[in-house]
Amino acid sequence: IENDQSVKFFGNITTSGGVVDQGYQYYIPTTGFWANILPGKSKFIMDPAGTLASGGVTLPNVAIDGTIISVHSTQTITAFTANTLQSGTTIVPTVSTIASGTGMDFFYHQSENKWYKIR
């Protein structure tokens, strides 16, 4: 495949080796942080030095139905927020805390112009 052409697979895909995900973003936040998740990234990994009182992320503007972005933290973020700059887009339900070593997934539903927290 050349020139960033899309490939679509239908049915099951089986691999015999590891899968490399190059669509991640790594971030070392401090309390009160605000970070933008870059377009094309499927995972956002936060690695703070310890528990943070607050912080948040902005989900990228997307136009592809079914986009899923995973947000994870190695430490607790007590008051965590997620939002989007995409006009008219909402996130449901709202987010409040990420526990140490956990994360959440957001799913974009294009016809509603809405991000859902699905895990």
Protein backbone atom coordinates (compact mmCIF):
# COMPACT_ATOMS: atom_id res chain seq x y z
CA ILE A 1 0.00 0.00 0.00
CA GLU A 2 1.38 3.35 -0.98
CA ASN A 3 0.39 6.97 -0.45
CA ASP A 4 -1.65 6.33 2.74
CA GLN A 5 -4.35 4.40 0.90
CA SER A 6 -7.04 2.78 3.01
CA VAL A 7 -7.41 -0.96 3.34
CA LYS A 8 -10.67 -2.53 4.51
CA PHE A 9 -10.91 -6.04 5.90
CA PHE A 10 -14.15 -7.93 6.30
CA GLY A 11 -14.31 -10.98 8.54
CA ASN A 12 -11.84 -12.30 11.09
CA ILE A 13 -8.16 -11.41 11.05
CA THR A 14 -5.65 -13.72 12.73
CA THR A 15 -2.01 -12.92 13.38
CA SER A 16 0.74 -15.19 14.60
CA GLY A 17 2.96 -12.46 16.00
CA GLY A 18 2.68 -9.23 17.92
CA VAL A 19 0.75 -6.25 16.64
CA VAL A 20 2.48 -2.87 16.61
CA ASP A 21 0.24 0.15 17.22
CA GLN A 22 2.00 3.27 16.03
CA GLY A 23 -1.08 5.40 16.67
CA TYR A 24 -0.39 6.20 20.31
CA GLN A 25 0.57 9.38 22.15
CA TYR A 26 2.65 9.35 25.37
CA TYR A 27 2.37 12.23 27.83
CA ILE A 28 3.89 13.06 31.24
CA PRO A 29 1.37 15.39 32.91
CA THR A 30 1.59 17.51 36.03
CA THR A 31 -1.43 18.61 38.08
CA GLY A 32 -3.75 21.00 36.30
CA PHE A 33 -2.66 19.76 32.86
CA TRP A 34 -4.67 20.05 29.67
CA ALA A 35 -3.55 17.96 26.70
CA ASN A 36 -4.80 17.67 23.13
CA ILE A 37 -5.03 14.15 21.73
CA LEU A 38 -3.67 14.33 18.20
CA PRO A 39 -5.71 13.19 15.20
CA GLY A 40 -4.86 9.64 14.12
CA LYS A 41 -3.94 8.48 17.62
CA SER A 42 -5.91 5.54 19.02
CA LYS A 43 -4.29 5.49 22.47
CA PHE A 44 -3.32 8.27 24.86
CA ILE A 45 -1.00 7.11 27.65
CA MET A 46 -0.42 9.39 30.66
CA ASP A 47 2.49 8.64 32.97
CA PRO A 48 2.54 11.19 35.83
CA ALA A 49 5.06 10.90 38.67
CA GLY A 50 2.25 10.45 41.22
CA THR A 51 -1.42 11.08 41.91
CA LEU A 52 -2.71 14.28 40.29
CA ALA A 53 -5.49 16.46 41.68
CA SER A 54 -6.78 17.54 38.28
CA GLY A 55 -6.29 17.51 34.53
CA GLY A 56 -8.00 16.81 31.25
CA VAL A 57 -7.82 16.03 27.57
CA THR A 58 -9.40 17.31 24.39
CA LEU A 59 -10.49 14.57 22.01
CA PRO A 60 -9.51 15.20 18.39
CA ASN A 61 -11.84 16.45 15.70
CA VAL A 62 -12.83 13.39 13.67
CA ALA A 63 -15.17 12.70 10.80
CA ILE A 64 -14.98 8.91 10.85
CA ASP A 65 -17.88 7.08 12.42
CA GLY A 66 -16.82 4.43 14.93
CA THR A 67 -13.50 6.01 15.89
CA ILE A 68 -12.34 4.69 19.29
CA ILE A 69 -9.75 6.43 21.44
CA SER A 70 -8.38 4.84 24.63
CA VAL A 71 -7.15 7.10 27.44
CA HIS A 72 -5.04 5.50 30.19
CA SER A 73 -3.08 6.67 33.24
CA THR A 74 -0.42 4.98 35.36
CA GLN A 75 -1.49 7.11 38.36
CA THR A 76 -4.82 8.36 39.74
CA ILE A 77 -6.17 11.62 38.37
CA THR A 78 -8.81 12.69 40.89
CA ALA A 79 -10.66 15.35 38.87
CA PHE A 80 -10.33 14.28 35.23
CA THR A 81 -12.19 15.95 32.37
CA ALA A 82 -12.55 15.20 28.67
CA ASN A 83 -13.95 17.58 26.07
CA THR A 84 -13.83 18.30 22.36
CA LEU A 85 -13.33 21.38 20.23
CA GLN A 86 -15.48 19.96 17.45
CA SER A 87 -18.48 22.26 17.07
CA GLY A 88 -21.65 20.85 18.58
CA THR A 89 -20.00 17.63 19.75
CA THR A 90 -20.84 16.28 23.18
CA ILE A 91 -19.34 13.57 25.40
CA VAL A 92 -21.60 11.30 27.45
CA PRO A 93 -21.42 10.47 30.22
CA THR A 94 -19.12 13.08 31.71
CA VAL A 95 -15.87 11.83 33.21
CA SER A 96 -14.66 12.50 36.74
CA THR A 97 -11.77 10.22 37.84
CA ILE A 98 -9.18 7.87 36.37
CA ALA A 99 -7.87 5.33 38.88
CA SER A 100 -4.22 4.31 38.88
CA GLY A 101 -3.44 1.75 36.18
CA THR A 102 -6.80 2.10 34.46
CA GLY A 103 -8.32 3.98 31.60
CA MET A 104 -11.40 4.57 29.50
CA ASP A 105 -12.45 4.30 25.89
CA PHE A 106 -14.35 6.89 23.90
CA PHE A 107 -16.42 5.97 20.81
CA TYR A 108 -17.45 8.55 18.18
CA HIS A 109 -20.97 8.21 16.74
CA GLN A 110 -21.03 10.41 13.66
CA SER A 111 -24.78 10.69 13.02
CA GLU A 112 -25.26 12.17 16.52
CA ASN A 113 -21.94 14.05 16.51
CA LYS A 114 -21.32 12.55 19.94
CA TRP A 115 -18.49 10.83 21.81
CA TYR A 116 -19.62 8.04 24.15
CA LYS A 117 -17.55 6.86 27.09
CA ILE A 118 -17.90 3.11 26.48
CA ARG A 119 -15.53 1.72 29.12
